[in-house]
Amino acid sequence: MNICRIKYRYNQGFTLIELIVVVILIAIMAATVLPKFYSSNGFEEYTYRDELITKLRAIQLRTMQQTNNSTCQLVKVSSSTIGLLATTLNASTCEATYAGDTTTVVIDSDHSVGFSISESLLNFSFSSLGKPLGCLALNPCEITLTTTGESSIAIKINSEGYIYAL
């Protein structure tokens, strides 16, 4: 009688080397990724940049739609606020205050973020075609707005009026 013997192979599981390599990789990833979840450093700049792009495009569209000279079209830039200035009632001059929340980006006092603008401008405006005006060298011109904090992120308004993040 011929009896077949079945051989069992004991290849079930991982080797000790494989387990150690996986544990080391998980530890490296945890040491680099987990601190990002517990602090918001570096994320405020991106949030303010996105908000600023949205509001600058809204100001640009508003300027292109209101072509009469009775409204203020001036965008004022400070280290903590960028926005469209309000119009004095029954006049074509700009007030020293901002027009409102829909056209203004204000940095929260808890965040260590600031705004700066190229060519040391304090304000600029858009033409009726949406091109930036107010630079010293050229009209229309290119304007770079920088959001600084943990990292610096720039927004560019090119000479044709396209607003984009760098």
C-alpha atoms as a PDB file:
ATOM      1  CA  MET A   1       0.000   0.000   0.000  1.00  0.00           C
ATOM      2  CA  ASN A   2       1.338   3.352  -1.027  1.00  0.00           C
ATOM      3  CA  ILE A   3       0.592   6.077   1.485  1.00  0.00           C
ATOM      4  CA  CYS A   4       1.134   9.667   0.376  1.00  0.00           C
ATOM      5  CA  ARG A   5       2.648  11.841   2.926  1.00  0.00           C
ATOM      6  CA  ILE A   6       1.540  15.408   3.028  1.00  0.00           C
ATOM      7  CA  LYS A   7       4.177  17.870   4.018  1.00  0.00           C
ATOM      8  CA  TYR A   8       3.043  20.994   5.748  1.00  0.00           C
ATOM      9  CA  ARG A   9       4.950  24.185   5.250  1.00  0.00           C
ATOM     10  CA  TYR A  10       4.932  26.582   8.122  1.00  0.00           C
ATOM     11  CA  ASN A  11       5.110  29.903   6.192  1.00  0.00           C
ATOM     12  CA  GLN A  12       2.321  31.542   8.056  1.00  0.00           C
ATOM     13  CA  GLY A  13       3.103  35.017   9.484  1.00  0.00           C
ATOM     14  CA  PHE A  14       5.842  37.608   9.171  1.00  0.00           C
ATOM     15  CA  THR A  15       9.487  37.432  10.072  1.00  0.00           C
ATOM     16  CA  LEU A  16      10.890  39.490  12.913  1.00  0.00           C
ATOM     17  CA  ILE A  17      12.822  41.710  10.476  1.00  0.00           C
ATOM     18  CA  GLU A  18       9.662  42.571   8.543  1.00  0.00           C
ATOM     19  CA  LEU A  19       7.836  43.503  11.732  1.00  0.00           C
ATOM     20  CA  ILE A  20      10.697  45.729  12.932  1.00  0.00           C
ATOM     21  CA  VAL A  21      10.861  47.548   9.562  1.00  0.00           C
ATOM     22  CA  VAL A  22       7.113  48.225   9.613  1.00  0.00           C
ATOM     23  CA  VAL A  23       7.224  49.502  13.201  1.00  0.00           C
ATOM     24  CA  ILE A  24      10.123  51.850  12.340  1.00  0.00           C
ATOM     25  CA  LEU A  25       8.269  53.211   9.280  1.00  0.00           C
ATOM     26  CA  ILE A  26       5.127  53.843  11.331  1.00  0.00           C
ATOM     27  CA  ALA A  27       7.185  55.614  14.002  1.00  0.00           C
ATOM     28  CA  ILE A  28       8.836  57.900  11.406  1.00  0.00           C
ATOM     29  CA  MET A  29       5.485  58.767   9.847  1.00  0.00           C
ATOM     30  CA  ALA A  30       3.929  59.434  13.242  1.00  0.00           C
ATOM     31  CA  ALA A  31       6.785  61.721  14.267  1.00  0.00           C
ATOM     32  CA  THR A  32       6.424  63.833  11.107  1.00  0.00           C
ATOM     33  CA  VAL A  33       2.662  63.819  10.513  1.00  0.00           C
ATOM     34  CA  LEU A  34       1.048  63.924  13.957  1.00  0.00           C
ATOM     35  CA  PRO A  35       2.357  67.387  14.963  1.00  0.00           C
ATOM     36  CA  LYS A  36       0.536  68.817  11.929  1.00  0.00           C
ATOM     37  CA  PHE A  37      -2.772  67.645  13.384  1.00  0.00           C
ATOM     38  CA  TYR A  38      -2.194  69.239  16.778  1.00  0.00           C
ATOM     39  CA  SER A  39      -1.093  72.696  15.628  1.00  0.00           C
ATOM     40  CA  SER A  40      -2.383  75.006  12.948  1.00  0.00           C
ATOM     41  CA  ASN A  41       0.951  76.706  12.274  1.00  0.00           C
ATOM     42  CA  GLY A  42       1.359  77.308   8.570  1.00  0.00           C
ATOM     43  CA  PHE A  43      -2.275  76.697   7.672  1.00  0.00           C
ATOM     44  CA  GLU A  44      -3.532  80.224   8.404  1.00  0.00           C
ATOM     45  CA  GLU A  45      -1.522  81.627   5.500  1.00  0.00           C
ATOM     46  CA  TYR A  46      -3.274  79.339   3.030  1.00  0.00           C
ATOM     47  CA  THR A  47      -6.680  80.178   4.456  1.00  0.00           C
ATOM     48  CA  TYR A  48      -6.071  83.924   4.266  1.00  0.00           C
ATOM     49  CA  ARG A  49      -4.589  83.574   0.779  1.00  0.00           C
ATOM     50  CA  ASP A  50      -7.685  81.768  -0.500  1.00  0.00           C
ATOM     51  CA  GLU A  51      -9.997  84.276   1.170  1.00  0.00           C
ATOM     52  CA  LEU A  52      -7.990  87.172  -0.254  1.00  0.00           C
ATOM     53  CA  ILE A  53      -8.112  85.786  -3.798  1.00  0.00           C
ATOM     54  CA  THR A  54     -11.879  85.366  -3.545  1.00  0.00           C
ATOM     55  CA  LYS A  55     -12.462  88.869  -2.206  1.00  0.00           C
ATOM     56  CA  LEU A  56     -10.072  90.535  -4.675  1.00  0.00           C
ATOM     57  CA  ARG A  57     -11.928  88.868  -7.538  1.00  0.00           C
ATOM     58  CA  ALA A  58     -15.212  90.115  -6.052  1.00  0.00           C
ATOM     59  CA  ILE A  59     -13.822  93.664  -5.811  1.00  0.00           C
ATOM     60  CA  GLN A  60     -12.556  93.410  -9.382  1.00  0.00           C
ATOM     61  CA  LEU A  61     -15.976  92.288 -10.655  1.00  0.00           C
ATOM     62  CA  ARG A  62     -17.690  95.018  -8.657  1.00  0.00           C
ATOM     63  CA  THR A  63     -15.380  97.626 -10.200  1.00  0.00           C
ATOM     64  CA  MET A  64     -16.028  96.308 -13.693  1.00  0.00           C
ATOM     65  CA  GLN A  65     -19.802  96.478 -13.160  1.00  0.00           C
ATOM     66  CA  GLN A  66     -19.915  99.928 -11.499  1.00  0.00           C
ATOM     67  CA  THR A  67     -18.305 102.099 -14.131  1.00  0.00           C
ATOM     68  CA  ASN A  68     -19.695 105.399 -12.878  1.00  0.00           C
ATOM     69  CA  ASN A  69     -17.382 107.651 -10.885  1.00  0.00           C
ATOM     70  CA  SER A  70     -19.703 108.010  -7.898  1.00  0.00           C
ATOM     71  CA  THR A  71     -18.390 104.995  -6.001  1.00  0.00           C
ATOM     72  CA  CYS A  72     -15.021 104.406  -4.418  1.00  0.00           C
ATOM     73  CA  GLN A  73     -12.955 101.767  -6.187  1.00  0.00           C
ATOM     74  CA  LEU A  74      -9.838 101.991  -3.997  1.00  0.00           C
ATOM     75  CA  VAL A  75      -8.382  98.862  -2.336  1.00  0.00           C
ATOM     76  CA  LYS A  76      -6.426  99.746   0.803  1.00  0.00           C
ATOM     77  CA  VAL A  77      -3.651  97.479   2.105  1.00  0.00           C
ATOM     78  CA  SER A  78      -2.347  97.434   5.676  1.00  0.00           C
ATOM     79  CA  SER A  79      -0.399  94.786   7.565  1.00  0.00           C
ATOM     80  CA  SER A  80      -3.571  93.237   8.995  1.00  0.00           C
ATOM     81  CA  THR A  81      -6.372  94.278   6.612  1.00  0.00           C
ATOM     82  CA  ILE A  82      -6.997  94.422   2.874  1.00  0.00           C
ATOM     83  CA  GLY A  83     -10.279  95.664   1.490  1.00  0.00           C
ATOM     84  CA  LEU A  84     -12.363  98.033  -0.551  1.00  0.00           C
ATOM     85  CA  LEU A  85     -12.871 101.454   1.013  1.00  0.00           C
ATOM     86  CA  ALA A  86     -16.376 102.771   1.598  1.00  0.00           C
ATOM     87  CA  THR A  87     -17.855 105.681  -0.341  1.00  0.00           C
ATOM     88  CA  THR A  88     -18.893 108.874   1.385  1.00  0.00           C
ATOM     89  CA  LEU A  89     -22.618 109.483   0.991  1.00  0.00           C
ATOM     90  CA  ASN A  90     -23.527 111.748  -1.957  1.00  0.00           C
ATOM     91  CA  ALA A  91     -19.873 112.133  -2.919  1.00  0.00           C
ATOM     92  CA  SER A  92     -17.284 110.392  -5.015  1.00  0.00           C
ATOM     93  CA  THR A  93     -14.557 110.410  -2.371  1.00  0.00           C
ATOM     94  CA  CYS A  94     -13.423 107.414  -0.363  1.00  0.00           C
ATOM     95  CA  GLU A  95     -13.836 107.168   3.377  1.00  0.00           C
ATOM     96  CA  ALA A  96     -11.088 105.971   5.693  1.00  0.00           C
ATOM     97  CA  THR A  97     -13.185 102.933   6.669  1.00  0.00           C
ATOM     98  CA  TYR A  98     -13.673  99.687   4.804  1.00  0.00           C
ATOM     99  CA  ALA A  99     -16.834  98.909   2.830  1.00  0.00           C
ATOM    100  CA  GLY A 100     -17.800  95.711   4.644  1.00  0.00           C
ATOM    101  CA  ASP A 101     -17.159  92.038   5.265  1.00  0.00           C
ATOM    102  CA  THR A 102     -17.850  90.955   1.686  1.00  0.00           C
ATOM    103  CA  THR A 103     -14.915  92.977   0.348  1.00  0.00           C
ATOM    104  CA  THR A 104     -12.515  92.991   3.318  1.00  0.00           C
ATOM    105  CA  VAL A 105     -10.039  90.450   4.696  1.00  0.00           C
ATOM    106  CA  VAL A 106      -9.119  91.072   8.346  1.00  0.00           C
ATOM    107  CA  ILE A 107      -6.515  88.986  10.159  1.00  0.00           C
ATOM    108  CA  ASP A 108      -7.612  87.595  13.504  1.00  0.00           C
ATOM    109  CA  SER A 109      -5.498  88.889  16.392  1.00  0.00           C
ATOM    110  CA  ASP A 110      -4.783  85.288  17.477  1.00  0.00           C
ATOM    111  CA  HIS A 111      -2.983  84.530  14.220  1.00  0.00           C
ATOM    112  CA  SER A 112       0.592  85.582  13.538  1.00  0.00           C
ATOM    113  CA  VAL A 113      -0.018  86.463   9.899  1.00  0.00           C
ATOM    114  CA  GLY A 114       0.516  89.728   8.037  1.00  0.00           C
ATOM    115  CA  PHE A 115      -0.003  91.208   4.561  1.00  0.00           C
ATOM    116  CA  SER A 116       2.531  93.049   2.426  1.00  0.00           C
ATOM    117  CA  ILE A 117       2.345  94.402  -1.118  1.00  0.00           C
ATOM    118  CA  SER A 118       4.897  94.956  -3.848  1.00  0.00           C
ATOM    119  CA  GLU A 119       6.322  98.380  -4.695  1.00  0.00           C
ATOM    120  CA  SER A 120       5.477  99.676  -1.192  1.00  0.00           C
ATOM    121  CA  LEU A 121       1.942 100.529  -2.257  1.00  0.00           C
ATOM    122  CA  LEU A 122      -0.650 101.523   0.300  1.00  0.00           C
ATOM    123  CA  ASN A 123      -3.574 101.170  -2.054  1.00  0.00           C
ATOM    124  CA  PHE A 124      -4.490 100.298  -5.625  1.00  0.00           C
ATOM    125  CA  SER A 125      -7.587 100.029  -7.757  1.00  0.00           C
ATOM    126  CA  PHE A 126      -8.912  98.206 -10.791  1.00  0.00           C
ATOM    127  CA  SER A 127      -9.811  99.773 -14.137  1.00  0.00           C
ATOM    128  CA  SER A 128     -13.182  99.225 -15.773  1.00  0.00           C
ATOM    129  CA  LEU A 129     -11.537  96.333 -17.650  1.00  0.00           C
ATOM    130  CA  GLY A 130     -10.338  94.721 -14.399  1.00  0.00           C
ATOM    131  CA  LYS A 131      -6.670  95.692 -14.796  1.00  0.00           C
ATOM    132  CA  PRO A 132      -4.770  96.810 -11.672  1.00  0.00           C
ATOM    133  CA  LEU A 133      -3.992 100.531 -11.417  1.00  0.00           C
ATOM    134  CA  GLY A 134      -1.938 102.524  -8.956  1.00  0.00           C
ATOM    135  CA  CYS A 135       1.617 101.296  -9.416  1.00  0.00           C
ATOM    136  CA  LEU A 136       4.352 103.875  -9.681  1.00  0.00           C
ATOM    137  CA  ALA A 137       6.072 102.446 -12.753  1.00  0.00           C
ATOM    138  CA  LEU A 138       3.350 101.194 -15.079  1.00  0.00           C
ATOM    139  CA  ASN A 139      -0.399 101.423 -15.479  1.00  0.00           C
ATOM    140  CA  PRO A 140      -1.631  98.685 -15.699  1.00  0.00           C
ATOM    141  CA  CYS A 141       0.950  96.905 -13.601  1.00  0.00           C
ATOM    142  CA  GLU A 142       1.662  93.645 -11.808  1.00  0.00           C
ATOM    143  CA  ILE A 143       0.980  93.547  -8.077  1.00  0.00           C
ATOM    144  CA  THR A 144       2.229  90.892  -5.676  1.00  0.00           C
ATOM    145  CA  LEU A 145       0.461  90.491  -2.323  1.00  0.00           C
ATOM    146  CA  THR A 146       2.319  88.347   0.200  1.00  0.00           C
ATOM    147  CA  THR A 147       0.804  86.595   3.188  1.00  0.00           C
ATOM    148  CA  THR A 148       3.557  86.068   5.748  1.00  0.00           C
ATOM    149  CA  GLY A 149       3.530  83.927   8.856  1.00  0.00           C
ATOM    150  CA  GLU A 150       5.168  80.566   9.373  1.00  0.00           C
ATOM    151  CA  SER A 151       5.721  80.584   5.605  1.00  0.00           C
ATOM    152  CA  SER A 152       5.273  83.240   2.923  1.00  0.00           C
ATOM    153  CA  ILE A 153       2.654  82.763   0.229  1.00  0.00           C
ATOM    154  CA  ALA A 154       2.212  85.191  -2.656  1.00  0.00           C
ATOM    155  CA  ILE A 155      -0.761  86.269  -4.730  1.00  0.00           C
ATOM    156  CA  LYS A 156      -0.142  87.847  -8.118  1.00  0.00           C
ATOM    157  CA  ILE A 157      -2.363  90.237 -10.042  1.00  0.00           C
ATOM    158  CA  ASN A 158      -0.892  90.368 -13.519  1.00  0.00           C
ATOM    159  CA  SER A 159      -1.118  93.346 -15.857  1.00  0.00           C
ATOM    160  CA  GLU A 160      -4.261  91.950 -17.507  1.00  0.00           C
ATOM    161  CA  GLY A 161      -6.055  91.529 -14.172  1.00  0.00           C
ATOM    162  CA  TYR A 162      -5.789  87.781 -13.616  1.00  0.00           C
ATOM    163  CA  ILE A 163      -5.552  87.074  -9.853  1.00  0.00           C
ATOM    164  CA  TYR A 164      -3.822  83.838  -8.904  1.00  0.00           C
ATOM    165  CA  ALA A 165      -1.711  82.176  -6.201  1.00  0.00           C
ATOM    166  CA  LEU A 166       1.984  81.608  -6.771  1.00  0.00           C
END
